[in-house]
Amino acid sequence: MIQFEVNDMTCGHCVGAIAAAVKEVAPDAVVAIDLPQHVVRVEGVCDAGAVERAIREAGYSPSRKA
């Protein structure tokens, strides 16, 4: 599982935009988003860099969590 903290994710629209961006680069990924904690969890992908770039290209600032 890959986790990102996305502090500029503030609403349901943000959640939808990030989920769509991740699914665009990893259609089979399982995306779980915890809006109150600003955490995006992605399972089923090997390329964390591609997922991070997709979130950035959607207009957000992810930071990888250990």
C-alpha atoms as a PDB file:
ATOM      1  CA  MET A   1       0.000   0.000   0.000  1.00  0.00           C
ATOM      2  CA  ILE A   2       1.159   3.531  -0.823  1.00  0.00           C
ATOM      3  CA  GLN A   3       0.063   6.424   1.381  1.00  0.00           C
ATOM      4  CA  PHE A   4       0.154  10.135   0.722  1.00  0.00           C
ATOM      5  CA  GLU A   5      -0.668  13.072   2.937  1.00  0.00           C
ATOM      6  CA  VAL A   6      -2.507  15.688   0.886  1.00  0.00           C
ATOM      7  CA  ASN A   7      -3.080  18.696   3.134  1.00  0.00           C
ATOM      8  CA  ASP A   8      -4.678  20.799   0.386  1.00  0.00           C
ATOM      9  CA  MET A   9      -7.458  18.188  -0.078  1.00  0.00           C
ATOM     10  CA  THR A  10     -10.365  19.945   1.647  1.00  0.00           C
ATOM     11  CA  CYS A  11     -13.700  18.787   0.209  1.00  0.00           C
ATOM     12  CA  GLY A  12     -15.618  16.124  -1.653  1.00  0.00           C
ATOM     13  CA  HIS A  13     -14.651  17.640  -5.000  1.00  0.00           C
ATOM     14  CA  CYS A  14     -10.980  17.221  -4.068  1.00  0.00           C
ATOM     15  CA  VAL A  15     -11.594  13.583  -3.142  1.00  0.00           C
ATOM     16  CA  GLY A  16     -13.252  12.901  -6.498  1.00  0.00           C
ATOM     17  CA  ALA A  17     -10.536  14.683  -8.469  1.00  0.00           C
ATOM     18  CA  ILE A  18      -7.749  12.786  -6.719  1.00  0.00           C
ATOM     19  CA  ALA A  19      -9.492   9.422  -7.058  1.00  0.00           C
ATOM     20  CA  ALA A  20     -10.077  10.047 -10.769  1.00  0.00           C
ATOM     21  CA  ALA A  21      -6.453  11.100 -11.296  1.00  0.00           C
ATOM     22  CA  VAL A  22      -5.156   7.949  -9.611  1.00  0.00           C
ATOM     23  CA  LYS A  23      -7.539   5.728 -11.580  1.00  0.00           C
ATOM     24  CA  GLU A  24      -6.364   7.336 -14.809  1.00  0.00           C
ATOM     25  CA  VAL A  25      -2.788   6.116 -14.274  1.00  0.00           C
ATOM     26  CA  ALA A  26      -3.700   2.925 -12.385  1.00  0.00           C
ATOM     27  CA  PRO A  27      -7.176   1.719 -13.435  1.00  0.00           C
ATOM     28  CA  ASP A  28      -7.021  -1.396 -11.244  1.00  0.00           C
ATOM     29  CA  ALA A  29      -5.897   0.442  -8.116  1.00  0.00           C
ATOM     30  CA  VAL A  30      -7.978   0.476  -4.950  1.00  0.00           C
ATOM     31  CA  VAL A  31      -8.147   4.056  -3.679  1.00  0.00           C
ATOM     32  CA  ALA A  32      -9.206   4.864  -0.101  1.00  0.00           C
ATOM     33  CA  ILE A  33      -9.361   8.502   0.941  1.00  0.00           C
ATOM     34  CA  ASP A  34      -9.661   9.801   4.499  1.00  0.00           C
ATOM     35  CA  LEU A  35     -10.644  13.437   4.025  1.00  0.00           C
ATOM     36  CA  PRO A  36     -10.545  14.512   7.714  1.00  0.00           C
ATOM     37  CA  GLN A  37      -7.004  13.101   8.048  1.00  0.00           C
ATOM     38  CA  HIS A  38      -5.952  14.271   4.536  1.00  0.00           C
ATOM     39  CA  VAL A  39      -4.693  10.781   3.683  1.00  0.00           C
ATOM     40  CA  VAL A  40      -4.861   8.983   0.337  1.00  0.00           C
ATOM     41  CA  ARG A  41      -4.160   5.231   0.378  1.00  0.00           C
ATOM     42  CA  VAL A  42      -3.605   3.357  -2.859  1.00  0.00           C
ATOM     43  CA  GLU A  43      -3.313  -0.407  -3.194  1.00  0.00           C
ATOM     44  CA  GLY A  44      -2.523  -2.473  -6.253  1.00  0.00           C
ATOM     45  CA  VAL A  45       0.118  -0.256  -7.878  1.00  0.00           C
ATOM     46  CA  CYS A  46       3.877  -0.592  -8.096  1.00  0.00           C
ATOM     47  CA  ASP A  47       4.795   2.873  -9.379  1.00  0.00           C
ATOM     48  CA  ALA A  48       4.326   5.306  -6.498  1.00  0.00           C
ATOM     49  CA  GLY A  49       5.959   8.037  -8.572  1.00  0.00           C
ATOM     50  CA  ALA A  50       3.280   7.805 -11.265  1.00  0.00           C
ATOM     51  CA  VAL A  51       0.535   8.047  -8.648  1.00  0.00           C
ATOM     52  CA  GLU A  52       2.217  11.022  -6.986  1.00  0.00           C
ATOM     53  CA  ARG A  53       2.623  12.793 -10.347  1.00  0.00           C
ATOM     54  CA  ALA A  54      -1.035  12.176 -11.166  1.00  0.00           C
ATOM     55  CA  ILE A  55      -2.128  13.759  -7.876  1.00  0.00           C
ATOM     56  CA  ARG A  56       0.185  16.736  -8.505  1.00  0.00           C
ATOM     57  CA  GLU A  57      -1.110  17.152 -12.061  1.00  0.00           C
ATOM     58  CA  ALA A  58      -4.640  17.238 -10.628  1.00  0.00           C
ATOM     59  CA  GLY A  59      -3.563  20.329  -8.661  1.00  0.00           C
ATOM     60  CA  TYR A  60      -2.690  18.925  -5.242  1.00  0.00           C
ATOM     61  CA  SER A  61       0.469  18.626  -3.142  1.00  0.00           C
ATOM     62  CA  PRO A  62       0.963  15.030  -1.970  1.00  0.00           C
ATOM     63  CA  SER A  63       3.754  13.975   0.345  1.00  0.00           C
ATOM     64  CA  ARG A  64       4.572  10.299   0.676  1.00  0.00           C
ATOM     65  CA  LYS A  65       3.930   8.740   4.090  1.00  0.00           C
ATOM     66  CA  ALA A  66       5.977   5.824   5.366  1.00  0.00           C
END
